[in-house]
C-alpha atoms as a PDB file:
ATOM      1  CA  UNK A   1      19.290   9.507  49.103  1.00  0.00           C
ATOM      2  CA  UNK A   2      18.815   5.990  50.626  1.00  0.00           C
ATOM      3  CA  UNK A   3      15.664   5.104  50.151  1.00  0.00           C
ATOM      4  CA  UNK A   4      14.012   2.046  50.637  1.00  0.00           C
ATOM      5  CA  UNK A   5      13.499  -0.364  47.788  1.00  0.00           C
ATOM      6  CA  UNK A   6      10.084   0.054  46.754  1.00  0.00           C
ATOM      7  CA  UNK A   7       9.552  -0.703  43.288  1.00  0.00           C
ATOM      8  CA  UNK A   8       8.260   2.297  41.810  1.00  0.00           C
ATOM      9  CA  UNK A   9      12.188   3.559  42.080  1.00  0.00           C
ATOM     10  CA  UNK A  10      13.949   0.207  42.579  1.00  0.00           C
ATOM     11  CA  UNK A  11      14.004  -2.560  39.897  1.00  0.00           C
ATOM     12  CA  UNK A  12      16.602  -5.090  41.152  1.00  0.00           C
ATOM     13  CA  UNK A  13      17.123  -5.100  45.217  1.00  0.00           C
ATOM     14  CA  UNK A  14      20.241  -6.326  44.830  1.00  0.00           C
ATOM     15  CA  UNK A  15      22.782  -5.858  48.118  1.00  0.00           C
ATOM     16  CA  UNK A  16      25.794  -5.031  46.102  1.00  0.00           C
ATOM     17  CA  UNK A  17      24.600  -3.910  42.692  1.00  0.00           C
ATOM     18  CA  UNK A  18      20.960  -2.694  42.957  1.00  0.00           C
ATOM     19  CA  UNK A  19      19.089  -0.996  39.835  1.00  0.00           C
ATOM     20  CA  UNK A  20      16.729   1.178  39.871  1.00  0.00           C
ATOM     21  CA  UNK A  21      13.949   1.664  37.463  1.00  0.00           C
ATOM     22  CA  UNK A  22      14.877   3.271  34.271  1.00  0.00           C
ATOM     23  CA  UNK A  23      12.466   6.864  34.773  1.00  0.00           C
ATOM     24  CA  UNK A  24      13.548   6.981  38.348  1.00  0.00           C
ATOM     25  CA  UNK A  25      17.166   6.685  37.008  1.00  0.00           C
ATOM     26  CA  UNK A  26      16.609   9.434  34.366  1.00  0.00           C
ATOM     27  CA  UNK A  27      15.135  11.755  37.309  1.00  0.00           C
ATOM     28  CA  UNK A  28      18.428  11.017  39.585  1.00  0.00           C
ATOM     29  CA  UNK A  29      20.478  12.014  36.948  1.00  0.00           C
ATOM     30  CA  UNK A  30      18.571  15.231  35.509  1.00  0.00           C
ATOM     31  CA  UNK A  31      18.729  16.345  39.503  1.00  0.00           C
ATOM     32  CA  UNK A  32      22.095  14.933  40.457  1.00  0.00           C
ATOM     33  CA  UNK A  33      21.096  12.908  43.242  1.00  0.00           C
ATOM     34  CA  UNK A  34      23.276  10.064  44.167  1.00  0.00           C
ATOM     35  CA  UNK A  35      21.268   7.362  45.009  1.00  0.00           C
ATOM     36  CA  UNK A  36      22.375   3.983  47.029  1.00  0.00           C
ATOM     37  CA  UNK A  37      19.100   1.864  47.728  1.00  0.00           C
ATOM     38  CA  UNK A  38      19.252   0.458  51.622  1.00  0.00           C
ATOM     39  CA  UNK A  39      20.155  -2.953  51.612  1.00  0.00           C
ATOM     40  CA  UNK A  40      16.835  -5.587  52.101  1.00  0.00           C
ATOM     41  CA  UNK A  41      16.471  -6.555  56.116  1.00  0.00           C
ATOM     42  CA  UNK A  42      18.996  -4.013  57.501  1.00  0.00           C
ATOM     43  CA  UNK A  43      17.251  -1.142  59.437  1.00  0.00           C
ATOM     44  CA  UNK A  44      20.412   0.275  60.150  1.00  0.00           C
ATOM     45  CA  UNK A  45      20.903   0.979  57.278  1.00  0.00           C
ATOM     46  CA  UNK A  46      18.441   4.322  57.583  1.00  0.00           C
ATOM     47  CA  UNK A  47      17.862   4.020  61.354  1.00  0.00           C
ATOM     48  CA  UNK A  48      17.598   7.830  61.685  1.00  0.00           C
ATOM     49  CA  UNK A  49      15.005   8.344  59.397  1.00  0.00           C
ATOM     50  CA  UNK A  50      12.387   6.582  60.783  1.00  0.00           C
ATOM     51  CA  UNK A  51      13.739   8.081  64.539  1.00  0.00           C
ATOM     52  CA  UNK A  52      12.336  11.236  63.292  1.00  0.00           C
ATOM     53  CA  UNK A  53       9.153   9.993  62.960  1.00  0.00           C
ATOM     54  CA  UNK A  54       7.641  10.162  66.178  1.00  0.00           C
ATOM     55  CA  UNK A  55       9.451  13.856  66.789  1.00  0.00           C
ATOM     56  CA  UNK A  56       7.268  15.473  63.742  1.00  0.00           C
ATOM     57  CA  UNK A  57       3.779  13.893  65.182  1.00  0.00           C
ATOM     58  CA  UNK A  58       4.430  14.693  68.581  1.00  0.00           C
ATOM     59  CA  UNK A  59       5.963  18.360  68.145  1.00  0.00           C
ATOM     60  CA  UNK A  60       3.548  19.487  65.210  1.00  0.00           C
ATOM     61  CA  UNK A  61       0.683  17.705  63.845  1.00  0.00           C
ATOM     62  CA  UNK A  62      -0.312  15.474  66.729  1.00  0.00           C
ATOM     63  CA  UNK A  63      -3.934  16.866  68.078  1.00  0.00           C
ATOM     64  CA  UNK A  64      -4.161  19.955  65.683  1.00  0.00           C
ATOM     65  CA  UNK A  65      -6.892  20.569  63.398  1.00  0.00           C
ATOM     66  CA  UNK A  66      -6.367  22.183  59.846  1.00  0.00           C
ATOM     67  CA  UNK A  67      -9.288  24.250  57.594  1.00  0.00           C
ATOM     68  CA  UNK A  68      -7.438  23.171  54.844  1.00  0.00           C
ATOM     69  CA  UNK A  69      -4.499  21.605  52.750  1.00  0.00           C
ATOM     70  CA  UNK A  70      -3.229  25.687  53.102  1.00  0.00           C
ATOM     71  CA  UNK A  71      -3.877  25.902  56.481  1.00  0.00           C
ATOM     72  CA  UNK A  72      -1.466  22.574  57.254  1.00  0.00           C
ATOM     73  CA  UNK A  73       0.794  23.819  54.639  1.00  0.00           C
ATOM     74  CA  UNK A  74       1.873  27.278  56.382  1.00  0.00           C
ATOM     75  CA  UNK A  75       1.641  25.750  60.073  1.00  0.00           C
ATOM     76  CA  UNK A  76       4.277  22.845  58.634  1.00  0.00           C
ATOM     77  CA  UNK A  77       6.383  25.596  57.325  1.00  0.00           C
ATOM     78  CA  UNK A  78       6.185  27.898  59.845  1.00  0.00           C
ATOM     79  CA  UNK A  79       7.024  24.253  62.382  1.00  0.00           C
ATOM     80  CA  UNK A  80      10.436  23.759  60.132  1.00  0.00           C
ATOM     81  CA  UNK A  81      11.492  27.418  60.382  1.00  0.00           C
ATOM     82  CA  UNK A  82      10.532  28.035  63.713  1.00  0.00           C
ATOM     83  CA  UNK A  83      10.544  25.030  66.014  1.00  0.00           C
ATOM     84  CA  UNK A  84      12.598  22.269  64.792  1.00  0.00           C
ATOM     85  CA  UNK A  85      14.903  24.807  62.886  1.00  0.00           C
ATOM     86  CA  UNK A  86      16.068  26.794  65.935  1.00  0.00           C
ATOM     87  CA  UNK A  87      16.193  23.738  68.125  1.00  0.00           C
ATOM     88  CA  UNK A  88      19.854  22.215  69.182  1.00  0.00           C
ATOM     89  CA  UNK A  89      19.928  19.001  67.336  1.00  0.00           C
ATOM     90  CA  UNK A  90      20.586  15.807  69.301  1.00  0.00           C
ATOM     91  CA  UNK A  91      23.528  14.043  67.276  1.00  0.00           C
ATOM     92  CA  UNK A  92      25.213  17.286  65.570  1.00  0.00           C
ATOM     93  CA  UNK A  93      24.751  19.613  68.300  1.00  0.00           C
ATOM     94  CA  UNK A  94      23.731  22.374  65.915  1.00  0.00           C
ATOM     95  CA  UNK A  95      20.733  24.531  65.430  1.00  0.00           C
ATOM     96  CA  UNK A  96      19.991  22.687  61.927  1.00  0.00           C
ATOM     97  CA  UNK A  97      18.286  26.478  60.842  1.00  0.00           C
ATOM     98  CA  UNK A  98      22.000  27.804  60.991  1.00  0.00           C
ATOM     99  CA  UNK A  99      23.673  24.954  59.867  1.00  0.00           C
ATOM    100  CA  UNK A 100      21.667  24.786  56.660  1.00  0.00           C
ATOM    101  CA  UNK A 101      22.153  29.110  55.953  1.00  0.00           C
ATOM    102  CA  UNK A 102      25.895  28.495  56.442  1.00  0.00           C
ATOM    103  CA  UNK A 103      27.029  25.296  55.226  1.00  0.00           C
ATOM    104  CA  UNK A 104      24.594  23.364  53.401  1.00  0.00           C
ATOM    105  CA  UNK A 105      22.738  26.189  51.054  1.00  0.00           C
ATOM    106  CA  UNK A 106      25.774  27.524  49.592  1.00  0.00           C
ATOM    107  CA  UNK A 107      26.451  23.693  48.239  1.00  0.00           C
ATOM    108  CA  UNK A 108      23.491  23.084  46.849  1.00  0.00           C
ATOM    109  CA  UNK A 109      22.237  23.918  43.357  1.00  0.00           C
ATOM    110  CA  UNK A 110      19.709  26.178  41.849  1.00  0.00           C
ATOM    111  CA  UNK A 111      15.821  25.047  41.717  1.00  0.00           C
ATOM    112  CA  UNK A 112      15.134  23.300  38.793  1.00  0.00           C
ATOM    113  CA  UNK A 113      12.840  26.060  36.140  1.00  0.00           C
ATOM    114  CA  UNK A 114      10.087  22.850  34.971  1.00  0.00           C
ATOM    115  CA  UNK A 115       8.793  20.029  36.358  1.00  0.00           C
ATOM    116  CA  UNK A 116      10.803  16.685  35.571  1.00  0.00           C
ATOM    117  CA  UNK A 117       9.245  15.043  32.111  1.00  0.00           C
ATOM    118  CA  UNK A 118       8.299  11.194  33.455  1.00  0.00           C
ATOM    119  CA  UNK A 119       9.697   9.341  30.719  1.00  0.00           C
ATOM    120  CA  UNK A 120       8.320   5.949  29.362  1.00  0.00           C
ATOM    121  CA  UNK A 121      10.323   2.872  28.970  1.00  0.00           C
ATOM    122  CA  UNK A 122       9.866   0.079  27.041  1.00  0.00           C
ATOM    123  CA  UNK A 123      11.920  -2.846  27.298  1.00  0.00           C
ATOM    124  CA  UNK A 124      11.101  -5.197  24.200  1.00  0.00           C
ATOM    125  CA  UNK A 125      10.059  -3.197  20.737  1.00  0.00           C
ATOM    126  CA  UNK A 126       9.826  -5.685  18.111  1.00  0.00           C
ATOM    127  CA  UNK A 127      10.718  -4.113  14.452  1.00  0.00           C
ATOM    128  CA  UNK A 128       7.750  -5.243  12.291  1.00  0.00           C
ATOM    129  CA  UNK A 129       8.725  -5.935   8.577  1.00  0.00           C
ATOM    130  CA  UNK A 130       6.874  -2.591   7.573  1.00  0.00           C
ATOM    131  CA  UNK A 131      10.373  -0.946   9.597  1.00  0.00           C
ATOM    132  CA  UNK A 132       8.041   0.261  12.214  1.00  0.00           C
ATOM    133  CA  UNK A 133       7.716   0.165  16.194  1.00  0.00           C
ATOM    134  CA  UNK A 134       4.565   0.582  17.679  1.00  0.00           C
ATOM    135  CA  UNK A 135       4.647   3.166  20.992  1.00  0.00           C
ATOM    136  CA  UNK A 136       1.252   4.415  22.616  1.00  0.00           C
ATOM    137  CA  UNK A 137      -0.947   3.390  19.359  1.00  0.00           C
ATOM    138  CA  UNK A 138       1.795   5.999  17.379  1.00  0.00           C
ATOM    139  CA  UNK A 139       4.329   4.271  14.565  1.00  0.00           C
ATOM    140  CA  UNK A 140       8.195   5.255  14.505  1.00  0.00           C
ATOM    141  CA  UNK A 141      10.507   4.047  11.541  1.00  0.00           C
ATOM    142  CA  UNK A 142      13.703   2.169  12.616  1.00  0.00           C
ATOM    143  CA  UNK A 143      16.695   1.228  10.127  1.00  0.00           C
ATOM    144  CA  UNK A 144      16.671  -1.630   8.051  1.00  0.00           C
ATOM    145  CA  UNK A 145      19.380  -3.349   9.877  1.00  0.00           C
ATOM    146  CA  UNK A 146      17.432  -3.747  13.010  1.00  0.00           C
ATOM    147  CA  UNK A 147      14.491  -5.574  10.916  1.00  0.00           C
ATOM    148  CA  UNK A 148      12.445  -8.575  13.223  1.00  0.00           C
ATOM    149  CA  UNK A 149      15.060  -7.014  16.389  1.00  0.00           C
ATOM    150  CA  UNK A 150      14.198  -6.459  19.551  1.00  0.00           C
ATOM    151  CA  UNK A 151      14.748  -2.755  20.675  1.00  0.00           C
ATOM    152  CA  UNK A 152      14.467  -0.419  23.976  1.00  0.00           C
ATOM    153  CA  UNK A 153      12.396   2.297  23.572  1.00  0.00           C
ATOM    154  CA  UNK A 154      12.722   6.158  25.815  1.00  0.00           C
ATOM    155  CA  UNK A 155       9.471   8.054  25.063  1.00  0.00           C
ATOM    156  CA  UNK A 156       8.955  11.522  26.631  1.00  0.00           C
ATOM    157  CA  UNK A 157       6.156  14.753  25.927  1.00  0.00           C
ATOM    158  CA  UNK A 158       8.894  15.489  22.559  1.00  0.00           C
ATOM    159  CA  UNK A 159      10.781  13.311  21.902  1.00  0.00           C
ATOM    160  CA  UNK A 160      11.174   8.904  21.271  1.00  0.00           C
ATOM    161  CA  UNK A 161      14.251   7.181  21.572  1.00  0.00           C
ATOM    162  CA  UNK A 162      15.155   3.855  20.308  1.00  0.00           C
ATOM    163  CA  UNK A 163      18.032   1.928  21.558  1.00  0.00           C
ATOM    164  CA  UNK A 164      19.862  -1.138  20.477  1.00  0.00           C
ATOM    165  CA  UNK A 165      21.406  -2.517  23.654  1.00  0.00           C
ATOM    166  CA  UNK A 166      22.834   0.909  24.954  1.00  0.00           C
ATOM    167  CA  UNK A 167      23.443   2.270  21.441  1.00  0.00           C
ATOM    168  CA  UNK A 168      20.735   4.821  20.332  1.00  0.00           C
ATOM    169  CA  UNK A 169      19.963   4.319  16.711  1.00  0.00           C
ATOM    170  CA  UNK A 170      17.020   7.000  16.443  1.00  0.00           C
ATOM    171  CA  UNK A 171      15.480   9.759  17.579  1.00  0.00           C
ATOM    172  CA  UNK A 172      11.782  10.970  16.057  1.00  0.00           C
ATOM    173  CA  UNK A 173       9.204  13.698  17.049  1.00  0.00           C
ATOM    174  CA  UNK A 174       6.635  12.422  19.785  1.00  0.00           C
ATOM    175  CA  UNK A 175       3.688  12.015  18.124  1.00  0.00           C
ATOM    176  CA  UNK A 176      -0.179  11.092  19.094  1.00  0.00           C
ATOM    177  CA  UNK A 177      -2.110   8.070  18.858  1.00  0.00           C
ATOM    178  CA  UNK A 178      -2.691   6.939  15.443  1.00  0.00           C
ATOM    179  CA  UNK A 179       0.213   9.721  14.255  1.00  0.00           C
ATOM    180  CA  UNK A 180       3.111   7.855  11.964  1.00  0.00           C
ATOM    181  CA  UNK A 181       7.117   9.284  12.103  1.00  0.00           C
ATOM    182  CA  UNK A 182       8.793   7.553   9.156  1.00  0.00           C
ATOM    183  CA  UNK A 183      12.147   8.263   7.817  1.00  0.00           C
ATOM    184  CA  UNK A 184      13.083   7.489   4.380  1.00  0.00           C
ATOM    185  CA  UNK A 185      16.401   6.958   4.994  1.00  0.00           C
ATOM    186  CA  UNK A 186      15.337   4.022   6.932  1.00  0.00           C
ATOM    187  CA  UNK A 187      14.375   1.582   4.484  1.00  0.00           C
ATOM    188  CA  UNK A 188      16.705   0.251   1.935  1.00  0.00           C
ATOM    189  CA  UNK A 189      17.083   2.338  -1.543  1.00  0.00           C
ATOM    190  CA  UNK A 190      15.431  -0.439  -3.565  1.00  0.00           C
ATOM    191  CA  UNK A 191      12.401  -0.543  -1.693  1.00  0.00           C
ATOM    192  CA  UNK A 192      11.807   2.834  -0.153  1.00  0.00           C
ATOM    193  CA  UNK A 193       9.704   4.290  -3.005  1.00  0.00           C
ATOM    194  CA  UNK A 194       6.812   1.711  -2.621  1.00  0.00           C
ATOM    195  CA  UNK A 195       7.113   2.135   1.162  1.00  0.00           C
ATOM    196  CA  UNK A 196       6.501   5.615   1.281  1.00  0.00           C
ATOM    197  CA  UNK A 197       3.907   5.650  -1.731  1.00  0.00           C
ATOM    198  CA  UNK A 198       4.877   9.002  -3.228  1.00  0.00           C
ATOM    199  CA  UNK A 199       3.221   9.358  -6.304  1.00  0.00           C
ATOM    200  CA  UNK A 200       5.874  11.743  -7.555  1.00  0.00           C
ATOM    201  CA  UNK A 201       8.390   9.276  -7.181  1.00  0.00           C
ATOM    202  CA  UNK A 202       6.284   6.629  -8.973  1.00  0.00           C
ATOM    203  CA  UNK A 203       5.853   8.383 -11.991  1.00  0.00           C
ATOM    204  CA  UNK A 204       9.914   9.647 -12.053  1.00  0.00           C
ATOM    205  CA  UNK A 205      10.676   6.028 -11.404  1.00  0.00           C
ATOM    206  CA  UNK A 206       8.632   5.266 -14.427  1.00  0.00           C
ATOM    207  CA  UNK A 207       9.990   7.595 -16.925  1.00  0.00           C
ATOM    208  CA  UNK A 208      13.676   6.073 -16.336  1.00  0.00           C
ATOM    209  CA  UNK A 209      11.880   3.158 -17.594  1.00  0.00           C
ATOM    210  CA  UNK A 210      10.638   4.749 -20.882  1.00  0.00           C
ATOM    211  CA  UNK A 211       9.088   7.247 -21.856  1.00  0.00           C
ATOM    212  CA  UNK A 212       5.557   5.867 -23.172  1.00  0.00           C
ATOM    213  CA  UNK A 213       5.883   4.056 -19.811  1.00  0.00           C
ATOM    214  CA  UNK A 214       6.641   7.272 -17.660  1.00  0.00           C
ATOM    215  CA  UNK A 215       3.040   8.921 -20.014  1.00  0.00           C
ATOM    216  CA  UNK A 216       1.272   6.068 -19.083  1.00  0.00           C
ATOM    217  CA  UNK A 217       1.823   6.185 -15.161  1.00  0.00           C
ATOM    218  CA  UNK A 218       0.842   9.771 -15.339  1.00  0.00           C
ATOM    219  CA  UNK A 219      -2.546   9.246 -17.280  1.00  0.00           C
ATOM    220  CA  UNK A 220      -2.413   6.028 -14.249  1.00  0.00           C
ATOM    221  CA  UNK A 221      -1.511   8.546 -11.563  1.00  0.00           C
ATOM    222  CA  UNK A 222      -3.537  12.220 -12.584  1.00  0.00           C
ATOM    223  CA  UNK A 223      -6.664  11.670 -11.118  1.00  0.00           C
ATOM    224  CA  UNK A 224      -8.571  13.239  -7.889  1.00  0.00           C
ATOM    225  CA  UNK A 225      -7.340   9.693  -6.140  1.00  0.00           C
ATOM    226  CA  UNK A 226      -4.015   8.580  -6.982  1.00  0.00           C
ATOM    227  CA  UNK A 227      -4.383   6.642  -4.010  1.00  0.00           C
ATOM    228  CA  UNK A 228      -6.326   4.119  -5.629  1.00  0.00           C
ATOM    229  CA  UNK A 229      -4.665   3.856  -8.450  1.00  0.00           C
ATOM    230  CA  UNK A 230      -1.051   3.169  -6.674  1.00  0.00           C
ATOM    231  CA  UNK A 231      -0.948  -0.575  -6.687  1.00  0.00           C
ATOM    232  CA  UNK A 232      -1.328  -0.593 -10.387  1.00  0.00           C
ATOM    233  CA  UNK A 233       1.667   1.454 -10.694  1.00  0.00           C
ATOM    234  CA  UNK A 234       3.524  -0.759  -8.555  1.00  0.00           C
ATOM    235  CA  UNK A 235       2.661  -3.534 -10.758  1.00  0.00           C
ATOM    236  CA  UNK A 236       3.443  -1.508 -13.871  1.00  0.00           C
ATOM    237  CA  UNK A 237       7.174  -1.142 -12.627  1.00  0.00           C
ATOM    238  CA  UNK A 238       6.953  -5.097 -11.864  1.00  0.00           C
ATOM    239  CA  UNK A 239       5.729  -5.431 -15.153  1.00  0.00           C
ATOM    240  CA  UNK A 240       8.908  -4.285 -16.283  1.00  0.00           C
ATOM    241  CA  UNK A 241      11.283  -6.615 -14.308  1.00  0.00           C
ATOM    242  CA  UNK A 242       9.460  -9.504 -15.755  1.00  0.00           C
ATOM    243  CA  UNK A 243       8.936  -9.084 -19.297  1.00  0.00           C
ATOM    244  CA  UNK A 244      11.723  -6.261 -19.979  1.00  0.00           C
ATOM    245  CA  UNK A 245      11.090  -2.598 -20.287  1.00  0.00           C
ATOM    246  CA  UNK A 246      11.185  -2.742 -23.905  1.00  0.00           C
ATOM    247  CA  UNK A 247       8.161  -4.780 -24.724  1.00  0.00           C
ATOM    248  CA  UNK A 248       6.253  -2.439 -21.839  1.00  0.00           C
ATOM    249  CA  UNK A 249       7.216   0.211 -23.660  1.00  0.00           C
ATOM    250  CA  UNK A 250       6.009  -0.942 -26.647  1.00  0.00           C
ATOM    251  CA  UNK A 251       2.589  -2.181 -25.320  1.00  0.00           C
ATOM    252  CA  UNK A 252       2.098   0.607 -23.572  1.00  0.00           C
ATOM    253  CA  UNK A 253       2.787   3.028 -26.399  1.00  0.00           C
ATOM    254  CA  UNK A 254      -0.189   0.927 -28.472  1.00  0.00           C
ATOM    255  CA  UNK A 255      -2.314   1.413 -25.218  1.00  0.00           C
ATOM    256  CA  UNK A 256      -2.091   4.976 -24.922  1.00  0.00           C
ATOM    257  CA  UNK A 257      -3.231   4.939 -28.465  1.00  0.00           C
ATOM    258  CA  UNK A 258      -6.641   3.338 -28.192  1.00  0.00           C
ATOM    259  CA  UNK A 259      -6.856   5.063 -24.411  1.00  0.00           C
ATOM    260  CA  UNK A 260      -6.259   2.064 -22.411  1.00  0.00           C
ATOM    261  CA  UNK A 261      -5.111   2.982 -19.104  1.00  0.00           C
ATOM    262  CA  UNK A 262      -5.534  -0.516 -17.078  1.00  0.00           C
ATOM    263  CA  UNK A 263      -2.636  -2.028 -15.823  1.00  0.00           C
ATOM    264  CA  UNK A 264      -4.574  -5.656 -15.792  1.00  0.00           C
ATOM    265  CA  UNK A 265      -5.195  -5.147 -19.796  1.00  0.00           C
ATOM    266  CA  UNK A 266      -1.370  -3.865 -19.971  1.00  0.00           C
ATOM    267  CA  UNK A 267      -0.260  -7.567 -18.384  1.00  0.00           C
ATOM    268  CA  UNK A 268      -2.847  -9.578 -20.420  1.00  0.00           C
ATOM    269  CA  UNK A 269      -1.343  -8.471 -23.548  1.00  0.00           C
ATOM    270  CA  UNK A 270       2.224  -9.170 -22.590  1.00  0.00           C
ATOM    271  CA  UNK A 271       1.059 -12.773 -21.010  1.00  0.00           C
ATOM    272  CA  UNK A 272      -0.603 -13.333 -24.560  1.00  0.00           C
ATOM    273  CA  UNK A 273       1.696 -12.028 -26.457  1.00  0.00           C
ATOM    274  CA  UNK A 274       4.044 -14.446 -28.551  1.00  0.00           C
ATOM    275  CA  UNK A 275       7.763 -15.031 -27.843  1.00  0.00           C
ATOM    276  CA  UNK A 276       9.914 -12.612 -30.160  1.00  0.00           C
ATOM    277  CA  UNK A 277      11.600 -15.066 -32.653  1.00  0.00           C
ATOM    278  CA  UNK A 278      15.367 -14.369 -33.610  1.00  0.00           C
ATOM    279  CA  UNK A 279      15.757 -13.419 -37.291  1.00  0.00           C
ATOM    280  CA  UNK A 280      18.238 -16.334 -37.351  1.00  0.00           C
ATOM    281  CA  UNK A 281      15.431 -18.949 -37.045  1.00  0.00           C
ATOM    282  CA  UNK A 282      13.108 -17.398 -39.769  1.00  0.00           C
ATOM    283  CA  UNK A 283      15.620 -16.596 -42.124  1.00  0.00           C
ATOM    284  CA  UNK A 284      14.817 -17.904 -45.409  1.00  0.00           C
ATOM    285  CA  UNK A 285      12.152 -19.886 -44.152  1.00  0.00           C
ATOM    286  CA  UNK A 286       8.198 -19.455 -45.037  1.00  0.00           C
ATOM    287  CA  UNK A 287       6.576 -18.625 -41.639  1.00  0.00           C
ATOM    288  CA  UNK A 288       3.181 -19.163 -40.270  1.00  0.00           C
ATOM    289  CA  UNK A 289       1.394 -16.473 -39.304  1.00  0.00           C
ATOM    290  CA  UNK A 290      -0.788 -16.818 -35.950  1.00  0.00           C
ATOM    291  CA  UNK A 291      -4.411 -17.853 -37.000  1.00  0.00           C
ATOM    292  CA  UNK A 292      -7.232 -14.649 -36.320  1.00  0.00           C
ATOM    293  CA  UNK A 293      -8.721 -15.759 -33.239  1.00  0.00           C
ATOM    294  CA  UNK A 294     -12.312 -15.666 -34.495  1.00  0.00           C
ATOM    295  CA  UNK A 295     -11.277 -17.607 -37.984  1.00  0.00           C
ATOM    296  CA  UNK A 296     -13.475 -20.307 -39.426  1.00  0.00           C
ATOM    297  CA  UNK A 297     -12.564 -23.232 -41.586  1.00  0.00           C
ATOM    298  CA  UNK A 298     -13.188 -23.273 -44.887  1.00  0.00           C
ATOM    299  CA  UNK A 299     -15.806 -26.085 -45.293  1.00  0.00           C
ATOM    300  CA  UNK A 300     -18.180 -23.935 -43.106  1.00  0.00           C
ATOM    301  CA  UNK A 301     -18.194 -21.401 -46.189  1.00  0.00           C
ATOM    302  CA  UNK A 302     -19.320 -24.371 -48.768  1.00  0.00           C
ATOM    303  CA  UNK A 303     -22.313 -23.979 -51.208  1.00  0.00           C
ATOM    304  CA  UNK A 304     -24.315 -26.750 -51.282  1.00  0.00           C
ATOM    305  CA  UNK A 305     -26.385 -28.099 -53.951  1.00  0.00           C
ATOM    306  CA  UNK A 306     -29.986 -28.851 -53.453  1.00  0.00           C
ATOM    307  CA  UNK A 307     -29.672 -32.509 -54.308  1.00  0.00           C
ATOM    308  CA  UNK A 308     -26.925 -32.494 -51.033  1.00  0.00           C
ATOM    309  CA  UNK A 309     -29.501 -30.812 -48.582  1.00  0.00           C
ATOM    310  CA  UNK A 310     -32.152 -33.937 -49.512  1.00  0.00           C
ATOM    311  CA  UNK A 311     -29.621 -36.215 -48.890  1.00  0.00           C
ATOM    312  CA  UNK A 312     -28.555 -34.682 -45.765  1.00  0.00           C
ATOM    313  CA  UNK A 313     -32.129 -34.725 -44.806  1.00  0.00           C
END
């Protein structure tokens, strides 16, 4: 096929190395067509194609009247088979219909059994911090090593293929606008549980930190709307990293005994708790206990005599 350099099929009209539009390139590869675009301002690259236009006009439809589109199609088929197809061609000196039946038709491939699914190509799609790209208002995950980089995307009716350069790095099923296709393996192992917001995985992770921490997470996420407590579950795991699993386990045990299920309360208790003192520092010494919060000085409870009250007045 020698087409003109129309923008719908030719991206770069280079005389030596022309570049086809990605979607059209997919089409010609699927149909087994070799495409060599004509050079710009080189009319001799395809002169005989333009020369046939006057013959078709004057021999077929010039001055004709058609009832509708179907009538025009029937007339065109009859003209191709019985008029243009049975004449002796001026260049080949052969009858086109006989040449087609004897030489060209046996070499042709079988016709396609379905229409070509025209794909959509995106040359620069950024992988956002949530490991997803956006294609036609739907989200698709990309492996962690391509985070914040640009990828190429090919989307048809059934699949979305993601390329980094020429390498195919991910394939997703096509989603409707507003949909989301996420592969847990695209996240780092330590962040997948947070990114996927999996309630069961959060409870299992909490049980690894401690028995009472796991029970506390079950109580926290066991309500009718567990999604509203997911952030508190994340915060509970964060407290284990900040204060240590042992201290959080002890506080959770005490909180469960008093039926206090609130991670902000747990954080407040851990923050206000005194740092444990090693036995070596207190051995053989008298250690003053922390004064009660509402303790009053002893002078507040002294009973004054009647004469002292009059002097005070």
